[in-house]
Full PDB file with SEQRES, HELIX, SHEET, SSBOND, CRYST1, ORIGX, SCALE, CONECT and MASTER records, all heavy atoms in Angstrom:
SEQRES   1 A   40  THR LYS SER PRO GLY PRO LEU ALA GLY LYS LEU GLY HIS          
SEQRES   2 A   40  ASP PHE ASP ASP PRO ALA LEU LEU GLN GLN ALA LEU THR          
SEQRES   3 A   40  HIS ARG SER ALA GLY SER SER ASN ASN GLU ARG LEU GLU          
SEQRES   4 A   40  PHE                                                          
HELIX    1 AA1 GLY A    5  LEU A   11  1                                   7    
HELIX    2 AA2 PRO A   18  ALA A   24  1                                   7    
HELIX    3 AA3 ARG A   28  ALA A   30  5                                   3    
HELIX    4 AA4 GLU A   36  GLU A   39  1                                   4    
CRYST1    1.000    1.000    1.000  90.00  90.00  90.00 P 1           1          
ORIGX1      1.000000  0.000000  0.000000        0.00000                         
ORIGX2      0.000000  1.000000  0.000000        0.00000                         
ORIGX3      0.000000  0.000000  1.000000        0.00000                         
SCALE1      1.000000  0.000000  0.000000        0.00000                         
SCALE2      0.000000  1.000000  0.000000        0.00000                         
SCALE3      0.000000  0.000000  1.000000        0.00000                         
ATOM      1  N   THR A   1       3.665 -12.954 -19.768  1.00  0.00           N  
ATOM      2  CA  THR A   1       4.611 -12.212 -19.063  1.00  0.00           C  
ATOM      3  C   THR A   1       5.969 -12.450 -19.508  1.00  0.00           C  
ATOM      4  O   THR A   1       6.408 -13.667 -19.800  1.00  0.00           O  
ATOM      5  CB  THR A   1       4.544 -12.621 -17.560  1.00  0.00           C  
ATOM      6  OG1 THR A   1       3.238 -12.416 -17.105  1.00  0.00           O  
ATOM      7  CG2 THR A   1       5.524 -11.837 -16.697  1.00  0.00           C  
ATOM      8  N   LYS A   2       6.819 -11.335 -19.608  1.00  0.00           N  
ATOM      9  CA  LYS A   2       8.265 -11.476 -20.202  1.00  0.00           C  
ATOM     10  C   LYS A   2       9.084 -11.771 -19.016  1.00  0.00           C  
ATOM     11  O   LYS A   2       8.939 -11.605 -17.772  1.00  0.00           O  
ATOM     12  CB  LYS A   2       8.672 -10.060 -20.621  1.00  0.00           C  
ATOM     13  CG  LYS A   2       7.912  -9.663 -21.961  1.00  0.00           C  
ATOM     14  CD  LYS A   2       8.597  -8.386 -22.401  1.00  0.00           C  
ATOM     15  CE  LYS A   2       8.038  -7.993 -23.702  1.00  0.00           C  
ATOM     16  NZ  LYS A   2       8.705  -6.777 -24.207  1.00  0.00           N  
ATOM     17  N   SER A   3      10.245 -12.473 -19.491  1.00  0.00           N  
ATOM     18  CA  SER A   3      11.430 -12.746 -18.492  1.00  0.00           C  
ATOM     19  C   SER A   3      11.886 -11.462 -17.882  1.00  0.00           C  
ATOM     20  O   SER A   3      11.914 -10.521 -18.535  1.00  0.00           O  
ATOM     21  CB  SER A   3      12.485 -13.523 -19.169  1.00  0.00           C  
ATOM     22  OG  SER A   3      13.606 -13.391 -18.469  1.00  0.00           O  
ATOM     23  N   PRO A   4      12.152 -11.475 -16.645  1.00  0.00           N  
ATOM     24  CA  PRO A   4      12.549 -10.225 -16.003  1.00  0.00           C  
ATOM     25  C   PRO A   4      14.106  -9.725 -16.260  1.00  0.00           C  
ATOM     26  O   PRO A   4      14.398  -8.736 -15.880  1.00  0.00           O  
ATOM     27  CB  PRO A   4      12.397 -10.471 -14.426  1.00  0.00           C  
ATOM     28  CG  PRO A   4      12.591 -11.933 -14.393  1.00  0.00           C  
ATOM     29  CD  PRO A   4      11.994 -12.503 -15.566  1.00  0.00           C  
ATOM     30  N   GLY A   5      14.706 -10.617 -17.145  1.00  0.00           N  
ATOM     31  CA  GLY A   5      16.067 -10.255 -17.420  1.00  0.00           C  
ATOM     32  C   GLY A   5      16.334  -8.856 -17.930  1.00  0.00           C  
ATOM     33  O   GLY A   5      17.197  -8.073 -17.484  1.00  0.00           O  
ATOM     34  N   PRO A   6      15.487  -8.455 -18.931  1.00  0.00           N  
ATOM     35  CA  PRO A   6      15.705  -7.121 -19.548  1.00  0.00           C  
ATOM     36  C   PRO A   6      15.373  -6.013 -18.475  1.00  0.00           C  
ATOM     37  O   PRO A   6      15.885  -4.891 -18.558  1.00  0.00           O  
ATOM     38  CB  PRO A   6      14.685  -7.144 -20.666  1.00  0.00           C  
ATOM     39  CG  PRO A   6      14.528  -8.491 -21.048  1.00  0.00           C  
ATOM     40  CD  PRO A   6      14.647  -9.326 -19.815  1.00  0.00           C  
ATOM     41  N   LEU A   7      14.568  -6.360 -17.568  1.00  0.00           N  
ATOM     42  CA  LEU A   7      14.156  -5.344 -16.618  1.00  0.00           C  
ATOM     43  C   LEU A   7      15.439  -4.993 -15.704  1.00  0.00           C  
ATOM     44  O   LEU A   7      15.659  -3.765 -15.349  1.00  0.00           O  
ATOM     45  CB  LEU A   7      13.084  -5.806 -15.714  1.00  0.00           C  
ATOM     46  CG  LEU A   7      12.661  -4.834 -14.586  1.00  0.00           C  
ATOM     47  CD1 LEU A   7      12.226  -3.562 -15.126  1.00  0.00           C  
ATOM     48  CD2 LEU A   7      11.478  -5.504 -13.713  1.00  0.00           C  
ATOM     49  N   ALA A   8      16.262  -5.893 -15.418  1.00  0.00           N  
ATOM     50  CA  ALA A   8      17.417  -5.697 -14.585  1.00  0.00           C  
ATOM     51  C   ALA A   8      18.345  -4.638 -15.259  1.00  0.00           C  
ATOM     52  O   ALA A   8      18.785  -3.763 -14.669  1.00  0.00           O  
ATOM     53  CB  ALA A   8      18.277  -7.030 -14.354  1.00  0.00           C  
ATOM     54  N   GLY A   9      18.448  -4.864 -16.744  1.00  0.00           N  
ATOM     55  CA  GLY A   9      19.166  -3.786 -17.377  1.00  0.00           C  
ATOM     56  C   GLY A   9      18.447  -2.452 -17.318  1.00  0.00           C  
ATOM     57  O   GLY A   9      19.207  -1.326 -17.202  1.00  0.00           O  
ATOM     58  N   LYS A  10      17.165  -2.299 -17.423  1.00  0.00           N  
ATOM     59  CA  LYS A  10      16.495  -1.026 -17.271  1.00  0.00           C  
ATOM     60  C   LYS A  10      16.686  -0.333 -16.011  1.00  0.00           C  
ATOM     61  O   LYS A  10      16.843   0.797 -15.762  1.00  0.00           O  
ATOM     62  CB  LYS A  10      14.992  -1.236 -17.570  1.00  0.00           C  
ATOM     63  CG  LYS A  10      14.483  -1.471 -18.860  1.00  0.00           C  
ATOM     64  CD  LYS A  10      12.960  -1.504 -19.028  1.00  0.00           C  
ATOM     65  CE  LYS A  10      12.417  -1.785 -20.292  1.00  0.00           C  
ATOM     66  NZ  LYS A  10      11.031  -1.705 -20.490  1.00  0.00           N  
ATOM     67  N   LEU A  11      16.800  -1.304 -14.872  1.00  0.00           N  
ATOM     68  CA  LEU A  11      17.024  -0.774 -13.588  1.00  0.00           C  
ATOM     69  C   LEU A  11      18.458  -0.491 -13.266  1.00  0.00           C  
ATOM     70  O   LEU A  11      18.845   0.245 -12.374  1.00  0.00           O  
ATOM     71  CB  LEU A  11      16.592  -1.914 -12.575  1.00  0.00           C  
ATOM     72  CG  LEU A  11      15.143  -2.215 -12.484  1.00  0.00           C  
ATOM     73  CD1 LEU A  11      14.775  -3.436 -11.669  1.00  0.00           C  
ATOM     74  CD2 LEU A  11      14.249  -1.048 -12.087  1.00  0.00           C  
ATOM     75  N   GLY A  12      19.351  -0.921 -14.238  1.00  0.00           N  
ATOM     76  CA  GLY A  12      20.744  -0.568 -14.065  1.00  0.00           C  
ATOM     77  C   GLY A  12      21.494  -1.494 -12.962  1.00  0.00           C  
ATOM     78  O   GLY A  12      22.367  -0.921 -12.247  1.00  0.00           O  
ATOM     79  N   HIS A  13      20.874  -2.667 -12.633  1.00  0.00           N  
ATOM     80  CA  HIS A  13      21.381  -3.426 -11.555  1.00  0.00           C  
ATOM     81  C   HIS A  13      21.574  -4.926 -12.059  1.00  0.00           C  
ATOM     82  O   HIS A  13      20.788  -5.411 -12.652  1.00  0.00           O  
ATOM     83  CB  HIS A  13      20.356  -3.390 -10.350  1.00  0.00           C  
ATOM     84  CG  HIS A  13      20.861  -4.079  -9.224  1.00  0.00           C  
ATOM     85  ND1 HIS A  13      21.826  -3.617  -8.490  1.00  0.00           N  
ATOM     86  CD2 HIS A  13      20.455  -5.338  -8.681  1.00  0.00           C  
ATOM     87  CE1 HIS A  13      22.115  -4.472  -7.432  1.00  0.00           C  
ATOM     88  NE2 HIS A  13      21.216  -5.445  -7.582  1.00  0.00           N  
ATOM     89  N   ASP A  14      22.756  -5.490 -11.624  1.00  0.00           N  
ATOM     90  CA  ASP A  14      22.891  -6.886 -11.889  1.00  0.00           C  
ATOM     91  C   ASP A  14      22.569  -7.568 -10.662  1.00  0.00           C  
ATOM     92  O   ASP A  14      23.188  -7.367  -9.568  1.00  0.00           O  
ATOM     93  CB  ASP A  14      24.454  -7.120 -12.284  1.00  0.00           C  
ATOM     94  CG  ASP A  14      24.832  -6.640 -13.611  1.00  0.00           C  
ATOM     95  OD1 ASP A  14      23.960  -6.736 -14.565  1.00  0.00           O  
ATOM     96  OD2 ASP A  14      25.950  -6.227 -13.725  1.00  0.00           O  
ATOM     97  N   PHE A  15      21.560  -8.508 -10.675  1.00  0.00           N  
ATOM     98  CA  PHE A  15      21.197  -9.122  -9.506  1.00  0.00           C  
ATOM     99  C   PHE A  15      22.006 -10.464  -9.243  1.00  0.00           C  
ATOM    100  O   PHE A  15      22.179 -11.278 -10.100  1.00  0.00           O  
ATOM    101  CB  PHE A  15      19.667  -9.639  -9.655  1.00  0.00           C  
ATOM    102  CG  PHE A  15      18.657  -8.486  -9.570  1.00  0.00           C  
ATOM    103  CD1 PHE A  15      18.503  -7.712 -10.656  1.00  0.00           C  
ATOM    104  CD2 PHE A  15      18.110  -8.129  -8.426  1.00  0.00           C  
ATOM    105  CE1 PHE A  15      17.590  -6.534 -10.622  1.00  0.00           C  
ATOM    106  CE2 PHE A  15      17.101  -7.155  -8.294  1.00  0.00           C  
ATOM    107  CZ  PHE A  15      16.944  -6.339  -9.460  1.00  0.00           C  
ATOM    108  N   ASP A  16      22.606 -10.501  -8.111  1.00  0.00           N  
ATOM    109  CA  ASP A  16      23.336 -11.779  -7.673  1.00  0.00           C  
ATOM    110  C   ASP A  16      22.367 -12.976  -7.837  1.00  0.00           C  
ATOM    111  O   ASP A  16      22.902 -14.059  -8.071  1.00  0.00           O  
ATOM    112  CB  ASP A  16      24.042 -11.602  -6.323  1.00  0.00           C  
ATOM    113  CG  ASP A  16      25.097 -10.542  -6.277  1.00  0.00           C  
ATOM    114  OD1 ASP A  16      25.667 -10.286  -7.407  1.00  0.00           O  
ATOM    115  OD2 ASP A  16      25.358 -10.009  -5.292  1.00  0.00           O  
ATOM    116  N   ASP A  17      21.291 -12.689  -7.319  1.00  0.00           N  
ATOM    117  CA  ASP A  17      20.154 -13.768  -7.349  1.00  0.00           C  
ATOM    118  C   ASP A  17      18.939 -13.361  -8.088  1.00  0.00           C  
ATOM    119  O   ASP A  17      18.046 -12.782  -7.590  1.00  0.00           O  
ATOM    120  CB  ASP A  17      19.799 -14.133  -5.816  1.00  0.00           C  
ATOM    121  CG  ASP A  17      18.789 -15.320  -5.637  1.00  0.00           C  
ATOM    122  OD1 ASP A  17      18.465 -15.814  -6.739  1.00  0.00           O  
ATOM    123  OD2 ASP A  17      18.520 -15.652  -4.518  1.00  0.00           O  
ATOM    124  N   PRO A  18      18.952 -13.629  -9.431  1.00  0.00           N  
ATOM    125  CA  PRO A  18      17.863 -13.281 -10.244  1.00  0.00           C  
ATOM    126  C   PRO A  18      16.469 -13.784  -9.790  1.00  0.00           C  
ATOM    127  O   PRO A  18      15.410 -13.230 -10.027  1.00  0.00           O  
ATOM    128  CB  PRO A  18      18.196 -13.887 -11.647  1.00  0.00           C  
ATOM    129  CG  PRO A  18      19.665 -14.044 -11.644  1.00  0.00           C  
ATOM    130  CD  PRO A  18      20.009 -14.430 -10.161  1.00  0.00           C  
ATOM    131  N   ALA A  19      16.510 -14.892  -8.986  1.00  0.00           N  
ATOM    132  CA  ALA A  19      15.323 -15.540  -8.492  1.00  0.00           C  
ATOM    133  C   ALA A  19      14.563 -14.435  -7.529  1.00  0.00           C  
ATOM    134  O   ALA A  19      13.351 -14.370  -7.310  1.00  0.00           O  
ATOM    135  CB  ALA A  19      15.517 -16.749  -7.685  1.00  0.00           C  
ATOM    136  N   LEU A  20      15.429 -13.511  -6.822  1.00  0.00           N  
ATOM    137  CA  LEU A  20      14.818 -12.570  -5.991  1.00  0.00           C  
ATOM    138  C   LEU A  20      13.998 -11.538  -6.871  1.00  0.00           C  
ATOM    139  O   LEU A  20      12.932 -10.957  -6.513  1.00  0.00           O  
ATOM    140  CB  LEU A  20      15.727 -11.803  -5.152  1.00  0.00           C  
ATOM    141  CG  LEU A  20      16.328 -12.641  -3.950  1.00  0.00           C  
ATOM    142  CD1 LEU A  20      17.497 -11.778  -3.297  1.00  0.00           C  
ATOM    143  CD2 LEU A  20      15.126 -12.923  -3.089  1.00  0.00           C  
ATOM    144  N   LEU A  21      14.521 -11.210  -8.062  1.00  0.00           N  
ATOM    145  CA  LEU A  21      13.799 -10.247  -8.869  1.00  0.00           C  
ATOM    146  C   LEU A  21      12.447 -10.905  -9.364  1.00  0.00           C  
ATOM    147  O   LEU A  21      11.478 -10.291  -9.254  1.00  0.00           O  
ATOM    148  CB  LEU A  21      14.619  -9.880 -10.212  1.00  0.00           C  
ATOM    149  CG  LEU A  21      13.977  -9.042 -11.141  1.00  0.00           C  
ATOM    150  CD1 LEU A  21      13.445  -7.726 -10.525  1.00  0.00           C  
ATOM    151  CD2 LEU A  21      14.876  -8.707 -12.327  1.00  0.00           C  
ATOM    152  N   GLN A  22      12.520 -12.112  -9.709  1.00  0.00           N  
ATOM    153  CA  GLN A  22      11.325 -12.884 -10.148  1.00  0.00           C  
ATOM    154  C   GLN A  22      10.339 -12.852  -9.003  1.00  0.00           C  
ATOM    155  O   GLN A  22       9.176 -12.609  -9.168  1.00  0.00           O  
ATOM    156  CB  GLN A  22      11.682 -14.357 -10.507  1.00  0.00           C  
ATOM    157  CG  GLN A  22      10.441 -15.044 -11.112  1.00  0.00           C  
ATOM    158  CD  GLN A  22      10.008 -14.430 -12.351  1.00  0.00           C  
ATOM    159  OE1 GLN A  22      10.640 -14.208 -13.326  1.00  0.00           O  
ATOM    160  NE2 GLN A  22       8.594 -14.095 -12.390  1.00  0.00           N  
ATOM    161  N   GLN A  23      10.796 -13.219  -7.821  1.00  0.00           N  
ATOM    162  CA  GLN A  23       9.903 -13.156  -6.604  1.00  0.00           C  
ATOM    163  C   GLN A  23       9.318 -11.780  -6.294  1.00  0.00           C  
ATOM    164  O   GLN A  23       8.112 -11.685  -6.030  1.00  0.00           O  
ATOM    165  CB  GLN A  23      10.724 -13.547  -5.306  1.00  0.00           C  
ATOM    166  CG  GLN A  23       9.641 -13.786  -4.120  1.00  0.00           C  
ATOM    167  CD  GLN A  23      10.596 -14.300  -2.982  1.00  0.00           C  
ATOM    168  OE1 GLN A  23      11.675 -14.676  -3.046  1.00  0.00           O  
ATOM    169  NE2 GLN A  23       9.860 -14.256  -1.862  1.00  0.00           N  
ATOM    170  N   ALA A  24      10.027 -10.726  -6.579  1.00  0.00           N  
ATOM    171  CA  ALA A  24       9.620  -9.430  -6.288  1.00  0.00           C  
ATOM    172  C   ALA A  24       8.540  -8.981  -7.253  1.00  0.00           C  
ATOM    173  O   ALA A  24       7.660  -8.126  -6.981  1.00  0.00           O  
ATOM    174  CB  ALA A  24      10.809  -8.389  -6.409  1.00  0.00           C  
ATOM    175  N   LEU A  25       8.596  -9.656  -8.446  1.00  0.00           N  
ATOM    176  CA  LEU A  25       7.600  -9.303  -9.471  1.00  0.00           C  
ATOM    177  C   LEU A  25       6.310 -10.271  -9.446  1.00  0.00           C  
ATOM    178  O   LEU A  25       5.446 -10.131 -10.243  1.00  0.00           O  
ATOM    179  CB  LEU A  25       8.273  -9.436 -10.837  1.00  0.00           C  
ATOM    180  CG  LEU A  25       9.317  -8.323 -10.955  1.00  0.00           C  
ATOM    181  CD1 LEU A  25      10.077  -8.867 -12.356  1.00  0.00           C  
ATOM    182  CD2 LEU A  25       8.719  -7.063 -11.282  1.00  0.00           C  
ATOM    183  N   THR A  26       6.271 -11.132  -8.388  1.00  0.00           N  
ATOM    184  CA  THR A  26       5.172 -12.108  -8.375  1.00  0.00           C  
ATOM    185  C   THR A  26       4.148 -11.721  -7.260  1.00  0.00           C  
ATOM    186  O   THR A  26       4.485 -11.630  -6.140  1.00  0.00           O  
ATOM    187  CB  THR A  26       5.859 -13.497  -8.081  1.00  0.00           C  
ATOM    188  OG1 THR A  26       6.774 -13.848  -9.024  1.00  0.00           O  
ATOM    189  CG2 THR A  26       4.702 -14.530  -7.966  1.00  0.00           C  
ATOM    190  N   HIS A  27       2.959 -11.562  -7.668  1.00  0.00           N  
ATOM    191  CA  HIS A  27       1.767 -11.106  -6.858  1.00  0.00           C  
ATOM    192  C   HIS A  27       1.437 -12.443  -6.100  1.00  0.00           C  
ATOM    193  O   HIS A  27       1.533 -13.526  -6.534  1.00  0.00           O  
ATOM    194  CB  HIS A  27       0.676 -10.621  -7.693  1.00  0.00           C  
ATOM    195  CG  HIS A  27      -0.496 -10.056  -6.922  1.00  0.00           C  
ATOM    196  ND1 HIS A  27      -1.500 -10.688  -6.562  1.00  0.00           N  
ATOM    197  CD2 HIS A  27      -0.668  -8.739  -6.429  1.00  0.00           C  
ATOM    198  CE1 HIS A  27      -2.434 -10.071  -5.911  1.00  0.00           C  
ATOM    199  NE2 HIS A  27      -1.912  -8.890  -5.758  1.00  0.00           N  
ATOM    200  N   ARG A  28       0.818 -12.129  -4.826  1.00  0.00           N  
ATOM    201  CA  ARG A  28       0.357 -13.308  -4.013  1.00  0.00           C  
ATOM    202  C   ARG A  28      -0.644 -14.195  -4.739  1.00  0.00           C  
ATOM    203  O   ARG A  28      -0.711 -15.358  -4.321  1.00  0.00           O  
ATOM    204  CB  ARG A  28      -0.065 -12.893  -2.720  1.00  0.00           C  
ATOM    205  CG  ARG A  28      -1.380 -12.164  -2.744  1.00  0.00           C  
ATOM    206  CD  ARG A  28      -1.730 -11.740  -1.406  1.00  0.00           C  
ATOM    207  NE  ARG A  28      -2.923 -10.945  -1.439  1.00  0.00           N  
ATOM    208  CZ  ARG A  28      -3.637 -10.545  -0.377  1.00  0.00           C  
ATOM    209  NH1 ARG A  28      -3.098 -10.623   0.829  1.00  0.00           N  
ATOM    210  NH2 ARG A  28      -4.615  -9.766  -0.467  1.00  0.00           N  
ATOM    211  N   SER A  29      -1.369 -13.658  -5.586  1.00  0.00           N  
ATOM    212  CA  SER A  29      -2.323 -14.473  -6.356  1.00  0.00           C  
ATOM    213  C   SER A  29      -1.758 -15.538  -7.309  1.00  0.00           C  
ATOM    214  O   SER A  29      -2.347 -16.329  -7.725  1.00  0.00           O  
ATOM    215  CB  SER A  29      -3.282 -13.473  -7.198  1.00  0.00           C  
ATOM    216  OG  SER A  29      -2.612 -12.889  -8.238  1.00  0.00           O  
ATOM    217  N   ALA A  30      -0.436 -15.294  -7.586  1.00  0.00           N  
ATOM    218  CA  ALA A  30       0.326 -16.193  -8.566  1.00  0.00           C  
ATOM    219  C   ALA A  30       1.032 -17.378  -7.689  1.00  0.00           C  
ATOM    220  O   ALA A  30       1.570 -18.247  -8.455  1.00  0.00           O  
ATOM    221  CB  ALA A  30       1.284 -15.393  -9.273  1.00  0.00           C  
ATOM    222  N   GLY A  31       1.009 -17.370  -6.442  1.00  0.00           N  
ATOM    223  CA  GLY A  31       1.669 -18.531  -5.810  1.00  0.00           C  
ATOM    224  C   GLY A  31       2.214 -18.152  -4.387  1.00  0.00           C  
ATOM    225  O   GLY A  31       2.261 -16.918  -3.965  1.00  0.00           O  
ATOM    226  N   SER A  32       2.720 -19.061  -3.678  1.00  0.00           N  
ATOM    227  CA  SER A  32       3.166 -18.858  -2.321  1.00  0.00           C  
ATOM    228  C   SER A  32       4.606 -18.135  -2.318  1.00  0.00           C  
ATOM    229  O   SER A  32       4.913 -17.494  -1.327  1.00  0.00           O  
ATOM    230  CB  SER A  32       3.319 -20.153  -1.549  1.00  0.00           C  
ATOM    231  OG  SER A  32       4.242 -21.091  -2.244  1.00  0.00           O  
ATOM    232  N   SER A  33       5.389 -18.388  -3.438  1.00  0.00           N  
ATOM    233  CA  SER A  33       6.596 -17.644  -3.461  1.00  0.00           C  
ATOM    234  C   SER A  33       6.346 -16.207  -4.032  1.00  0.00           C  
ATOM    235  O   SER A  33       6.611 -16.002  -5.288  1.00  0.00           O  
ATOM    236  CB  SER A  33       7.721 -18.333  -4.289  1.00  0.00           C  
ATOM    237  OG  SER A  33       8.918 -17.605  -4.263  1.00  0.00           O  
ATOM    238  N   ASN A  34       5.889 -15.239  -3.321  1.00  0.00           N  
ATOM    239  CA  ASN A  34       5.447 -13.926  -3.815  1.00  0.00           C  
ATOM    240  C   ASN A  34       6.228 -12.827  -3.238  1.00  0.00           C  
ATOM    241  O   ASN A  34       7.107 -12.996  -2.429  1.00  0.00           O  
ATOM    242  CB  ASN A  34       3.909 -13.816  -3.723  1.00  0.00           C  
ATOM    243  CG  ASN A  34       3.530 -13.867  -2.154  1.00  0.00           C  
ATOM    244  OD1 ASN A  34       3.882 -13.087  -1.411  1.00  0.00           O  
ATOM    245  ND2 ASN A  34       2.597 -14.822  -1.934  1.00  0.00           N  
ATOM    246  N   ASN A  35       5.714 -11.631  -3.581  1.00  0.00           N  
ATOM    247  CA  ASN A  35       6.623 -10.290  -3.254  1.00  0.00           C  
ATOM    248  C   ASN A  35       6.150  -9.764  -1.824  1.00  0.00           C  
ATOM    249  O   ASN A  35       6.700  -8.799  -1.480  1.00  0.00           O  
ATOM    250  CB  ASN A  35       6.369  -9.338  -4.363  1.00  0.00           C  
ATOM    251  CG  ASN A  35       4.987  -8.889  -4.449  1.00  0.00           C  
ATOM    252  OD1 ASN A  35       4.062  -9.350  -3.688  1.00  0.00           O  
ATOM    253  ND2 ASN A  35       4.802  -8.034  -5.404  1.00  0.00           N  
ATOM    254  N   GLU A  36       5.282 -10.269  -1.138  1.00  0.00           N  
ATOM    255  CA  GLU A  36       4.787  -9.587   0.090  1.00  0.00           C  
ATOM    256  C   GLU A  36       5.936  -9.378   1.072  1.00  0.00           C  
ATOM    257  O   GLU A  36       5.986  -8.253   1.498  1.00  0.00           O  
ATOM    258  CB  GLU A  36       3.644 -10.444   0.799  1.00  0.00           C  
ATOM    259  CG  GLU A  36       2.421 -10.252  -0.014  1.00  0.00           C  
ATOM    260  CD  GLU A  36       1.158 -10.711   0.630  1.00  0.00           C  
ATOM    261  OE1 GLU A  36       1.256 -11.654   1.626  1.00  0.00           O  
ATOM    262  OE2 GLU A  36       0.140 -10.290   0.323  1.00  0.00           O  
ATOM    263  N   ARG A  37       6.693 -10.244   1.532  1.00  0.00           N  
ATOM    264  CA  ARG A  37       7.857 -10.061   2.407  1.00  0.00           C  
ATOM    265  C   ARG A  37       8.839  -9.095   1.843  1.00  0.00           C  
ATOM    266  O   ARG A  37       9.338  -8.198   2.476  1.00  0.00           O  
ATOM    267  CB  ARG A  37       8.472 -11.321   2.902  1.00  0.00           C  
ATOM    268  CG  ARG A  37       7.493 -12.051   3.839  1.00  0.00           C  
ATOM    269  CD  ARG A  37       8.206 -13.427   4.255  1.00  0.00           C  
ATOM    270  NE  ARG A  37       9.482 -13.270   4.894  1.00  0.00           N  
ATOM    271  CZ  ARG A  37       9.915 -12.934   6.071  1.00  0.00           C  
ATOM    272  NH1 ARG A  37       8.987 -12.631   6.930  1.00  0.00           N  
ATOM    273  NH2 ARG A  37      11.116 -12.863   6.424  1.00  0.00           N  
ATOM    274  N   LEU A  38       9.148  -9.264   0.471  1.00  0.00           N  
ATOM    275  CA  LEU A  38      10.063  -8.331  -0.183  1.00  0.00           C  
ATOM    276  C   LEU A  38       9.578  -6.945  -0.193  1.00  0.00           C  
ATOM    277  O   LEU A  38      10.261  -5.872  -0.107  1.00  0.00           O  
ATOM    278  CB  LEU A  38      10.443  -8.981  -1.559  1.00  0.00           C  
ATOM    279  CG  LEU A  38      11.324 -10.131  -1.579  1.00  0.00           C  
ATOM    280  CD1 LEU A  38      11.437 -10.575  -3.031  1.00  0.00           C  
ATOM    281  CD2 LEU A  38      12.759  -9.865  -0.935  1.00  0.00           C  
ATOM    282  N   GLU A  39       8.178  -6.823  -0.403  1.00  0.00           N  
ATOM    283  CA  GLU A  39       7.575  -5.481  -0.458  1.00  0.00           C  
ATOM    284  C   GLU A  39       7.653  -4.793   0.909  1.00  0.00           C  
ATOM    285  O   GLU A  39       8.042  -3.700   0.922  1.00  0.00           O  
ATOM    286  CB  GLU A  39       6.097  -5.671  -0.893  1.00  0.00           C  
ATOM    287  CG  GLU A  39       5.408  -4.437  -1.049  1.00  0.00           C  
ATOM    288  CD  GLU A  39       3.955  -4.525  -1.492  1.00  0.00           C  
ATOM    289  OE1 GLU A  39       3.446  -5.647  -1.651  1.00  0.00           O  
ATOM    290  OE2 GLU A  39       3.331  -3.545  -1.623  1.00  0.00           O  
ATOM    291  N   PHE A  40       7.557  -5.548   1.843  1.00  0.00           N  
ATOM    292  CA  PHE A  40       7.656  -4.980   3.292  1.00  0.00           C  
ATOM    293  C   PHE A  40       8.974  -4.344   3.514  1.00  0.00           C  
ATOM    294  O   PHE A  40       9.262  -3.295   3.887  1.00  0.00           O  
ATOM    295  CB  PHE A  40       7.306  -5.997   4.300  1.00  0.00           C  
ATOM    296  CG  PHE A  40       7.699  -5.682   5.661  1.00  0.00           C  
ATOM    297  CD1 PHE A  40       6.790  -4.948   6.408  1.00  0.00           C  
ATOM    298  CD2 PHE A  40       8.795  -6.212   6.348  1.00  0.00           C  
ATOM    299  CE1 PHE A  40       7.177  -4.497   7.873  1.00  0.00           C  
ATOM    300  CE2 PHE A  40       9.068  -5.892   7.659  1.00  0.00           C  
ATOM    301  CZ  PHE A  40       8.324  -5.140   8.266  1.00  0.00           C  
TER     302      PHE A  40                                                      
MASTER        0    0    0    4    0    0    0    6  301    1    0    4          
END                                                                             
């Protein structure tokens, strides 16, 4: 899996908290800090 940094550029958004982008890209099968609440 690639670092999400380049994705921020594709999205045209600078994330104040890049960890949120990483969490948004994390499926629940990959760990407890996943995207389910952010998806909601």
